[in-house]
PDB file of N, CA and C in Angstrom:
ATOM      1  N   MET A   1     -12.710  -8.384   5.260  1.00  0.00           N
ATOM      2  CA  MET A   1     -11.686  -7.483   5.754  1.00  0.00           C
ATOM      3  C   MET A   1     -11.477  -6.333   4.766  1.00  0.00           C
ATOM      4  N   TYR A   2     -11.049  -5.220   5.304  1.00  0.00           N
ATOM      5  CA  TYR A   2     -10.712  -4.034   4.522  1.00  0.00           C
ATOM      6  C   TYR A   2      -9.281  -3.654   4.879  1.00  0.00           C
ATOM      7  N   TYR A   3      -8.530  -3.255   3.878  1.00  0.00           N
ATOM      8  CA  TYR A   3      -7.107  -3.002   4.072  1.00  0.00           C
ATOM      9  C   TYR A   3      -6.711  -1.626   3.571  1.00  0.00           C
ATOM     10  N   VAL A   4      -5.846  -0.991   4.333  1.00  0.00           N
ATOM     11  CA  VAL A   4      -5.126   0.199   3.890  1.00  0.00           C
ATOM     12  C   VAL A   4      -3.728  -0.301   3.560  1.00  0.00           C
ATOM     13  N   TYR A   5      -3.177   0.155   2.450  1.00  0.00           N
ATOM     14  CA  TYR A   5      -1.863  -0.332   2.045  1.00  0.00           C
ATOM     15  C   TYR A   5      -1.042   0.803   1.451  1.00  0.00           C
ATOM     16  N   ILE A   6       0.265   0.602   1.494  1.00  0.00           N
ATOM     17  CA  ILE A   6       1.184   1.553   0.862  1.00  0.00           C
ATOM     18  C   ILE A   6       2.058   0.777  -0.111  1.00  0.00           C
ATOM     19  N   LEU A   7       2.132   1.301  -1.326  1.00  0.00           N
ATOM     20  CA  LEU A   7       3.002   0.759  -2.370  1.00  0.00           C
ATOM     21  C   LEU A   7       4.106   1.754  -2.661  1.00  0.00           C
ATOM     22  N   THR A   8       5.196   1.237  -3.188  1.00  0.00           N
ATOM     23  CA  THR A   8       6.267   2.096  -3.660  1.00  0.00           C
ATOM     24  C   THR A   8       6.804   1.510  -4.961  1.00  0.00           C
ATOM     25  N   ASN A   9       7.752   2.215  -5.568  1.00  0.00           N
ATOM     26  CA  ASN A   9       8.394   1.700  -6.777  1.00  0.00           C
ATOM     27  C   ASN A   9       9.722   1.048  -6.405  1.00  0.00           C
ATOM     28  N   TYR A  10      10.455   0.567  -7.382  1.00  0.00           N
ATOM     29  CA  TYR A  10      11.668  -0.198  -7.095  1.00  0.00           C
ATOM     30  C   TYR A  10      12.762   0.648  -6.440  1.00  0.00           C
ATOM     31  N   THR A  11      12.725   1.962  -6.588  1.00  0.00           N
ATOM     32  CA  THR A  11      13.719   2.823  -5.935  1.00  0.00           C
ATOM     33  C   THR A  11      13.210   3.392  -4.605  1.00  0.00           C
ATOM     34  N   ASN A  12      12.001   3.044  -4.221  1.00  0.00           N
ATOM     35  CA  ASN A  12      11.372   3.519  -2.979  1.00  0.00           C
ATOM     36  C   ASN A  12      11.185   5.034  -2.945  1.00  0.00           C
ATOM     37  N   LYS A  13      11.063   5.651  -4.097  1.00  0.00           N
ATOM     38  CA  LYS A  13      10.922   7.107  -4.173  1.00  0.00           C
ATOM     39  C   LYS A  13       9.462   7.550  -4.159  1.00  0.00           C
ATOM     40  N   VAL A  14       8.596   6.757  -4.776  1.00  0.00           N
ATOM     41  CA  VAL A  14       7.194   7.118  -4.927  1.00  0.00           C
ATOM     42  C   VAL A  14       6.377   6.322  -3.914  1.00  0.00           C
ATOM     43  N   LEU A  15       5.458   7.003  -3.215  1.00  0.00           N
ATOM     44  CA  LEU A  15       4.571   6.328  -2.274  1.00  0.00           C
ATOM     45  C   LEU A  15       3.130   6.482  -2.737  1.00  0.00           C
ATOM     46  N   TYR A  16       2.376   5.397  -2.625  1.00  0.00           N
ATOM     47  CA  TYR A  16       0.961   5.402  -2.993  1.00  0.00           C
ATOM     48  C   TYR A  16       0.188   4.752  -1.855  1.00  0.00           C
ATOM     49  N   VAL A  17      -0.858   5.416  -1.379  1.00  0.00           N
ATOM     50  CA  VAL A  17      -1.700   4.891  -0.309  1.00  0.00           C
ATOM     51  C   VAL A  17      -3.044   4.519  -0.915  1.00  0.00           C
ATOM     52  N   GLY A  18      -3.496   3.296  -0.626  1.00  0.00           N
ATOM     53  CA  GLY A  18      -4.770   2.839  -1.155  1.00  0.00           C
ATOM     54  C   GLY A  18      -5.567   2.081  -0.116  1.00  0.00           C
ATOM     55  N   VAL A  19      -6.800   1.739  -0.483  1.00  0.00           N
ATOM     56  CA  VAL A  19      -7.694   0.962   0.378  1.00  0.00           C
ATOM     57  C   VAL A  19      -8.409  -0.064  -0.492  1.00  0.00           C
ATOM     58  N   THR A  20      -8.660  -1.245   0.060  1.00  0.00           N
ATOM     59  CA  THR A  20      -9.303  -2.309  -0.707  1.00  0.00           C
ATOM     60  C   THR A  20      -9.982  -3.294   0.238  1.00  0.00           C
ATOM     61  N   ASN A  21     -10.893  -4.071  -0.315  1.00  0.00           N
ATOM     62  CA  ASN A  21     -11.504  -5.144   0.468  1.00  0.00           C
ATOM     63  C   ASN A  21     -10.912  -6.501   0.087  1.00  0.00           C
ATOM     64  N   ASN A  22      -9.950  -6.509  -0.836  1.00  0.00           N
ATOM     65  CA  ASN A  22      -9.286  -7.754  -1.237  1.00  0.00           C
ATOM     66  C   ASN A  22      -7.831  -7.414  -1.560  1.00  0.00           C
ATOM     67  N   LEU A  23      -6.990  -7.521  -0.556  1.00  0.00           N
ATOM     68  CA  LEU A  23      -5.602  -7.073  -0.695  1.00  0.00           C
ATOM     69  C   LEU A  23      -4.832  -7.871  -1.739  1.00  0.00           C
ATOM     70  N   ILE A  24      -4.982  -9.170  -1.742  1.00  0.00           N
ATOM     71  CA  ILE A  24      -4.244  -9.999  -2.701  1.00  0.00           C
ATOM     72  C   ILE A  24      -4.620  -9.629  -4.135  1.00  0.00           C
ATOM     73  N   ARG A  25      -5.910  -9.546  -4.411  1.00  0.00           N
ATOM     74  CA  ARG A  25      -6.364  -9.191  -5.755  1.00  0.00           C
ATOM     75  C   ARG A  25      -5.874  -7.806  -6.167  1.00  0.00           C
ATOM     76  N   ARG A  26      -5.974  -6.852  -5.248  1.00  0.00           N
ATOM     77  CA  ARG A  26      -5.629  -5.475  -5.589  1.00  0.00           C
ATOM     78  C   ARG A  26      -4.133  -5.323  -5.870  1.00  0.00           C
ATOM     79  N   ILE A  27      -3.294  -5.960  -5.073  1.00  0.00           N
ATOM     80  CA  ILE A  27      -1.861  -5.866  -5.312  1.00  0.00           C
ATOM     81  C   ILE A  27      -1.506  -6.583  -6.615  1.00  0.00           C
ATOM     82  N   TYR A  28      -2.161  -7.697  -6.881  1.00  0.00           N
ATOM     83  CA  TYR A  28      -1.971  -8.403  -8.155  1.00  0.00           C
ATOM     84  C   TYR A  28      -2.285  -7.453  -9.319  1.00  0.00           C
ATOM     85  N   GLU A  29      -3.382  -6.719  -9.198  1.00  0.00           N
ATOM     86  CA  GLU A  29      -3.757  -5.764 -10.253  1.00  0.00           C
ATOM     87  C   GLU A  29      -2.672  -4.702 -10.442  1.00  0.00           C
ATOM     88  N   HIS A  30      -2.143  -4.188  -9.342  1.00  0.00           N
ATOM     89  CA  HIS A  30      -1.071  -3.188  -9.445  1.00  0.00           C
ATOM     90  C   HIS A  30       0.177  -3.797 -10.100  1.00  0.00           C
ATOM     91  N   LYS A  31       0.550  -4.980  -9.675  1.00  0.00           N
ATOM     92  CA  LYS A  31       1.759  -5.623 -10.195  1.00  0.00           C
ATOM     93  C   LYS A  31       1.655  -5.927 -11.691  1.00  0.00           C
ATOM     94  N   ASN A  32       0.470  -6.212 -12.148  1.00  0.00           N
ATOM     95  CA  ASN A  32       0.258  -6.570 -13.553  1.00  0.00           C
ATOM     96  C   ASN A  32      -0.316  -5.426 -14.373  1.00  0.00           C
ATOM     97  N   LYS A  33      -0.270  -4.234 -13.800  1.00  0.00           N
ATOM     98  CA  LYS A  33      -0.719  -3.002 -14.468  1.00  0.00           C
ATOM     99  C   LYS A  33      -2.147  -3.122 -14.996  1.00  0.00           C
ATOM    100  N   LEU A  34      -2.983  -3.815 -14.237  1.00  0.00           N
ATOM    101  CA  LEU A  34      -4.396  -3.920 -14.578  1.00  0.00           C
ATOM    102  C   LEU A  34      -5.161  -2.727 -14.036  1.00  0.00           C
ATOM    103  N   ALA A  35      -4.531  -1.989 -13.129  1.00  0.00           N
ATOM    104  CA  ALA A  35      -5.105  -0.770 -12.573  1.00  0.00           C
ATOM    105  C   ALA A  35      -4.432   0.404 -13.276  1.00  0.00           C
ATOM    106  N   SER A  36      -5.124   0.980 -14.240  1.00  0.00           N
ATOM    107  CA  SER A  36      -4.513   2.090 -14.970  1.00  0.00           C
ATOM    108  C   SER A  36      -4.466   3.323 -14.081  1.00  0.00           C
ATOM    109  N   GLY A  37      -3.558   4.212 -14.388  1.00  0.00           N
ATOM    110  CA  GLY A  37      -3.445   5.448 -13.633  1.00  0.00           C
ATOM    111  C   GLY A  37      -2.072   5.617 -13.021  1.00  0.00           C
ATOM    112  N   PHE A  38      -2.038   6.251 -11.863  1.00  0.00           N
ATOM    113  CA  PHE A  38      -0.796   6.641 -11.212  1.00  0.00           C
ATOM    114  C   PHE A  38       0.153   5.469 -10.996  1.00  0.00           C
ATOM    115  N   THR A  39      -0.333   4.382 -10.400  1.00  0.00           N
ATOM    116  CA  THR A  39       0.559   3.266 -10.063  1.00  0.00           C
ATOM    117  C   THR A  39       1.119   2.597 -11.309  1.00  0.00           C
ATOM    118  N   SER A  40       0.328   2.503 -12.325  1.00  0.00           N
ATOM    119  CA  SER A  40       0.798   1.912 -13.582  1.00  0.00           C
ATOM    120  C   SER A  40       1.818   2.827 -14.258  1.00  0.00           C
ATOM    121  N   LYS A  41       1.516   4.109 -14.295  1.00  0.00           N
ATOM    122  CA  LYS A  41       2.388   5.084 -14.953  1.00  0.00           C
ATOM    123  C   LYS A  41       3.772   5.153 -14.312  1.00  0.00           C
ATOM    124  N   TYR A  42       3.816   5.069 -12.974  1.00  0.00           N
ATOM    125  CA  TYR A  42       5.078   5.232 -12.247  1.00  0.00           C
ATOM    126  C   TYR A  42       5.638   3.906 -11.712  1.00  0.00           C
ATOM    127  N   ASN A  43       5.137   2.782 -12.206  1.00  0.00           N
ATOM    128  CA  ASN A  43       5.614   1.449 -11.813  1.00  0.00           C
ATOM    129  C   ASN A  43       5.618   1.258 -10.290  1.00  0.00           C
ATOM    130  N   VAL A  44       4.538   1.652  -9.673  1.00  0.00           N
ATOM    131  CA  VAL A  44       4.387   1.543  -8.223  1.00  0.00           C
ATOM    132  C   VAL A  44       3.657   0.233  -7.936  1.00  0.00           C
ATOM    133  N   ASN A  45       4.415  -0.783  -7.518  1.00  0.00           N
ATOM    134  CA  ASN A  45       3.792  -2.098  -7.328  1.00  0.00           C
ATOM    135  C   ASN A  45       4.434  -2.926  -6.213  1.00  0.00           C
ATOM    136  N   LYS A  46       5.241  -2.306  -5.383  1.00  0.00           N
ATOM    137  CA  LYS A  46       5.901  -3.015  -4.285  1.00  0.00           C
ATOM    138  C   LYS A  46       5.151  -2.725  -2.985  1.00  0.00           C
ATOM    139  N   LEU A  47       4.550  -3.752  -2.414  1.00  0.00           N
ATOM    140  CA  LEU A  47       3.780  -3.606  -1.174  1.00  0.00           C
ATOM    141  C   LEU A  47       4.733  -3.511   0.016  1.00  0.00           C
ATOM    142  N   VAL A  48       4.719  -2.366   0.705  1.00  0.00           N
ATOM    143  CA  VAL A  48       5.629  -2.184   1.835  1.00  0.00           C
ATOM    144  C   VAL A  48       4.907  -2.006   3.170  1.00  0.00           C
ATOM    145  N   TYR A  49       3.583  -1.828   3.129  1.00  0.00           N
ATOM    146  CA  TYR A  49       2.811  -1.661   4.365  1.00  0.00           C
ATOM    147  C   TYR A  49       1.369  -2.053   4.094  1.00  0.00           C
ATOM    148  N   TYR A  50       0.748  -2.671   5.088  1.00  0.00           N
ATOM    149  CA  TYR A  50      -0.693  -2.883   5.041  1.00  0.00           C
ATOM    150  C   TYR A  50      -1.222  -3.054   6.450  1.00  0.00           C
ATOM    151  N   ASP A  51      -2.498  -2.767   6.612  1.00  0.00           N
ATOM    152  CA  ASP A  51      -3.170  -2.912   7.892  1.00  0.00           C
ATOM    153  C   ASP A  51      -4.619  -3.262   7.601  1.00  0.00           C
ATOM    154  N   GLY A  52      -5.176  -4.201   8.350  1.00  0.00           N
ATOM    155  CA  GLY A  52      -6.534  -4.655   8.104  1.00  0.00           C
ATOM    156  C   GLY A  52      -7.493  -4.327   9.226  1.00  0.00           C
ATOM    157  N   THR A  53      -8.765  -4.201   8.864  1.00  0.00           N
ATOM    158  CA  THR A  53      -9.844  -3.951   9.819  1.00  0.00           C
ATOM    159  C   THR A  53     -11.126  -4.587   9.286  1.00  0.00           C
ATOM    160  N   ASN A  54     -12.072  -4.812  10.167  1.00  0.00           N
ATOM    161  CA  ASN A  54     -13.368  -5.363   9.754  1.00  0.00           C
ATOM    162  C   ASN A  54     -14.343  -4.276   9.302  1.00  0.00           C
ATOM    163  N   GLU A  55     -14.014  -3.048   9.548  1.00  0.00           N
ATOM    164  CA  GLU A  55     -14.908  -1.926   9.266  1.00  0.00           C
ATOM    165  C   GLU A  55     -14.456  -1.138   8.039  1.00  0.00           C
ATOM    166  N   ALA A  56     -15.323  -1.055   7.052  1.00  0.00           N
ATOM    167  CA  ALA A  56     -15.001  -0.315   5.822  1.00  0.00           C
ATOM    168  C   ALA A  56     -14.704   1.148   6.112  1.00  0.00           C
ATOM    169  N   MET A  57     -15.530   1.777   6.939  1.00  0.00           N
ATOM    170  CA  MET A  57     -15.323   3.203   7.220  1.00  0.00           C
ATOM    171  C   MET A  57     -14.015   3.445   7.964  1.00  0.00           C
ATOM    172  N   SER A  58     -13.624   2.526   8.830  1.00  0.00           N
ATOM    173  CA  SER A  58     -12.344   2.664   9.542  1.00  0.00           C
ATOM    174  C   SER A  58     -11.183   2.641   8.562  1.00  0.00           C
ATOM    175  N   ALA A  59     -11.266   1.750   7.578  1.00  0.00           N
ATOM    176  CA  ALA A  59     -10.201   1.653   6.573  1.00  0.00           C
ATOM    177  C   ALA A  59     -10.138   2.924   5.736  1.00  0.00           C
ATOM    178  N   ILE A  60     -11.279   3.431   5.344  1.00  0.00           N
ATOM    179  CA  ILE A  60     -11.329   4.653   4.533  1.00  0.00           C
ATOM    180  C   ILE A  60     -10.794   5.842   5.328  1.00  0.00           C
ATOM    181  N   GLU A  61     -11.182   5.936   6.590  1.00  0.00           N
ATOM    182  CA  GLU A  61     -10.686   7.023   7.439  1.00  0.00           C
ATOM    183  C   GLU A  61      -9.174   6.930   7.626  1.00  0.00           C
ATOM    184  N   ARG A  62      -8.673   5.719   7.819  1.00  0.00           N
ATOM    185  CA  ARG A  62      -7.231   5.527   7.993  1.00  0.00           C
ATOM    186  C   ARG A  62      -6.477   5.899   6.712  1.00  0.00           C
ATOM    187  N   GLU A  63      -7.037   5.520   5.561  1.00  0.00           N
ATOM    188  CA  GLU A  63      -6.421   5.889   4.283  1.00  0.00           C
ATOM    189  C   GLU A  63      -6.317   7.407   4.167  1.00  0.00           C
ATOM    190  N   LYS A  64      -7.393   8.099   4.463  1.00  0.00           N
ATOM    191  CA  LYS A  64      -7.388   9.564   4.382  1.00  0.00           C
ATOM    192  C   LYS A  64      -6.387  10.166   5.358  1.00  0.00           C
ATOM    193  N   GLN A  65      -6.319   9.576   6.561  1.00  0.00           N
ATOM    194  CA  GLN A  65      -5.380  10.057   7.560  1.00  0.00           C
ATOM    195  C   GLN A  65      -3.943   9.936   7.044  1.00  0.00           C
ATOM    196  N   ILE A  66      -3.585   8.751   6.562  1.00  0.00           N
ATOM    197  CA  ILE A  66      -2.219   8.519   6.075  1.00  0.00           C
ATOM    198  C   ILE A  66      -1.917   9.393   4.862  1.00  0.00           C
ATOM    199  N   LYS A  67      -2.873   9.533   3.956  1.00  0.00           N
ATOM    200  CA  LYS A  67      -2.661  10.388   2.782  1.00  0.00           C
ATOM    201  C   LYS A  67      -2.360  11.823   3.184  1.00  0.00           C
ATOM    202  N   GLY A  68      -2.905  12.258   4.315  1.00  0.00           N
ATOM    203  CA  GLY A  68      -2.690  13.619   4.788  1.00  0.00           C
ATOM    204  C   GLY A  68      -1.363  13.828   5.500  1.00  0.00           C
ATOM    205  N   TRP A  69      -0.678  12.747   5.779  1.00  0.00           N
ATOM    206  CA  TRP A  69       0.599  12.842   6.488  1.00  0.00           C
ATOM    207  C   TRP A  69       1.707  13.363   5.573  1.00  0.00           C
ATOM    208  N   THR A  70       2.752  13.841   6.210  1.00  0.00           N
ATOM    209  CA  THR A  70       3.950  14.218   5.467  1.00  0.00           C
ATOM    210  C   THR A  70       4.640  12.947   4.961  1.00  0.00           C
ATOM    211  N   ARG A  71       5.481  13.105   3.985  1.00  0.00           N
ATOM    212  CA  ARG A  71       6.260  11.966   3.471  1.00  0.00           C
ATOM    213  C   ARG A  71       7.079  11.331   4.589  1.00  0.00           C
ATOM    214  N   LYS A  72       7.672  12.164   5.437  1.00  0.00           N
ATOM    215  CA  LYS A  72       8.503  11.653   6.530  1.00  0.00           C
ATOM    216  C   LYS A  72       7.690  10.765   7.469  1.00  0.00           C
ATOM    217  N   LYS A  73       6.486  11.168   7.786  1.00  0.00           N
ATOM    218  CA  LYS A  73       5.644  10.381   8.686  1.00  0.00           C
ATOM    219  C   LYS A  73       5.253   9.048   8.035  1.00  0.00           C
ATOM    220  N   LYS A  74       4.980   9.067   6.739  1.00  0.00           N
ATOM    221  CA  LYS A  74       4.670   7.824   6.012  1.00  0.00           C
ATOM    222  C   LYS A  74       5.880   6.895   6.022  1.00  0.00           C
ATOM    223  N   ILE A  75       7.054   7.464   5.804  1.00  0.00           N
ATOM    224  CA  ILE A  75       8.288   6.664   5.813  1.00  0.00           C
ATOM    225  C   ILE A  75       8.517   6.050   7.189  1.00  0.00           C
ATOM    226  N   ASN A  76       8.254   6.807   8.241  1.00  0.00           N
ATOM    227  CA  ASN A  76       8.403   6.268   9.597  1.00  0.00           C
ATOM    228  C   ASN A  76       7.430   5.122   9.846  1.00  0.00           C
ATOM    229  N   LEU A  77       6.208   5.241   9.347  1.00  0.00           N
ATOM    230  CA  LEU A  77       5.225   4.160   9.477  1.00  0.00           C
ATOM    231  C   LEU A  77       5.734   2.897   8.788  1.00  0.00           C
ATOM    232  N   ILE A  78       6.239   3.052   7.580  1.00  0.00           N
ATOM    233  CA  ILE A  78       6.773   1.903   6.830  1.00  0.00           C
ATOM    234  C   ILE A  78       7.986   1.327   7.561  1.00  0.00           C
ATOM    235  N   ASN A  79       8.888   2.181   8.016  1.00  0.00           N
ATOM    236  CA  ASN A  79      10.080   1.711   8.720  1.00  0.00           C
ATOM    237  C   ASN A  79       9.738   0.914   9.976  1.00  0.00           C
ATOM    238  N   ASP A  80       8.711   1.328  10.694  1.00  0.00           N
ATOM    239  CA  ASP A  80       8.289   0.601  11.900  1.00  0.00           C
ATOM    240  C   ASP A  80       7.693  -0.764  11.550  1.00  0.00           C
ATOM    241  N   PHE A  81       6.975  -0.828  10.447  1.00  0.00           N
ATOM    242  CA  PHE A  81       6.278  -2.048  10.033  1.00  0.00           C
ATOM    243  C   PHE A  81       7.173  -2.988   9.232  1.00  0.00           C
ATOM    244  N   ASN A  82       8.015  -2.407   8.397  1.00  0.00           N
ATOM    245  CA  ASN A  82       8.798  -3.171   7.420  1.00  0.00           C
ATOM    246  C   ASN A  82      10.144  -2.459   7.204  1.00  0.00           C
ATOM    247  N   PRO A  83      11.056  -2.555   8.185  1.00  0.00           N
ATOM    248  CA  PRO A  83      12.287  -1.758   8.142  1.00  0.00           C
ATOM    249  C   PRO A  83      13.170  -1.988   6.922  1.00  0.00           C
ATOM    250  N   ASP A  84      13.098  -3.147   6.303  1.00  0.00           N
ATOM    251  CA  ASP A  84      13.918  -3.420   5.116  1.00  0.00           C
ATOM    252  C   ASP A  84      13.205  -3.079   3.809  1.00  0.00           C
ATOM    253  N   TRP A  85      11.993  -2.621   3.907  1.00  0.00           N
ATOM    254  CA  TRP A  85      11.192  -2.245   2.750  1.00  0.00           C
ATOM    255  C   TRP A  85      11.108  -3.387   1.733  1.00  0.00           C
ATOM    256  N   ILE A  86      10.968  -4.609   2.228  1.00  0.00           N
ATOM    257  CA  ILE A  86      10.811  -5.745   1.316  1.00  0.00           C
ATOM    258  C   ILE A  86       9.396  -5.755   0.754  1.00  0.00           C
ATOM    259  N   ASP A  87       9.224  -6.363  -0.388  1.00  0.00           N
ATOM    260  CA  ASP A  87       7.908  -6.505  -0.993  1.00  0.00           C
ATOM    261  C   ASP A  87       7.155  -7.577  -0.214  1.00  0.00           C
ATOM    262  N   LEU A  88       6.062  -7.189   0.417  1.00  0.00           N
ATOM    263  CA  LEU A  88       5.309  -8.088   1.288  1.00  0.00           C
ATOM    264  C   LEU A  88       4.287  -8.940   0.535  1.00  0.00           C
ATOM    265  N   TYR A  89       4.207  -8.775  -0.767  1.00  0.00           N
ATOM    266  CA  TYR A  89       3.216  -9.523  -1.544  1.00  0.00           C
ATOM    267  C   TYR A  89       3.370 -11.026  -1.351  1.00  0.00           C
ATOM    268  N   SER A  90       4.606 -11.523  -1.353  1.00  0.00           N
ATOM    269  CA  SER A  90       4.806 -12.967  -1.204  1.00  0.00           C
ATOM    270  C   SER A  90       4.317 -13.463   0.158  1.00  0.00           C
ATOM    271  N   GLU A  91       4.322 -12.608   1.157  1.00  0.00           N
ATOM    272  CA  GLU A  91       3.811 -12.981   2.478  1.00  0.00           C
ATOM    273  C   GLU A  91       2.306 -13.093   2.515  1.00  0.00           C
ATOM    274  N   ILE A  92       1.611 -12.208   1.815  1.00  0.00           N
ATOM    275  CA  ILE A  92       0.143 -12.220   1.889  1.00  0.00           C
ATOM    276  C   ILE A  92      -0.489 -13.287   1.014  1.00  0.00           C
ATOM    277  N   ILE A  93       0.255 -13.821   0.042  1.00  0.00           N
ATOM    278  CA  ILE A  93      -0.334 -14.847  -0.827  1.00  0.00           C
ATOM    279  C   ILE A  93      -0.123 -16.261  -0.286  1.00  0.00           C
ATOM    280  N   LYS A  94       0.545 -16.390   0.828  1.00  0.00           N
ATOM    281  CA  LYS A  94       0.776 -17.723   1.428  1.00  0.00           C
ATOM    282  C   LYS A  94      -0.485 -18.275   2.024  1.00  0.00           C
TER     283      LYS A  94
END
């Protein structure tokens, strides 16, 4: 499976869109600051949205699509999927 995901920080101010073939591992890396760069610098490690597909190119295209959206459109996507903006990491590791 390939996943597009959105992370935020504890104040829900910063949004980060990513793609991975192992969602649990990748979010673990973000949470433990094993992924240096933007997410580590701005403490972006709360999983608020994800979507899976069997096609790598579909996931990459979806990531690019979402990255091109306005902040408002990204927020609406998250609100539809996860209206309370809870950290979904505990759900995916079950």
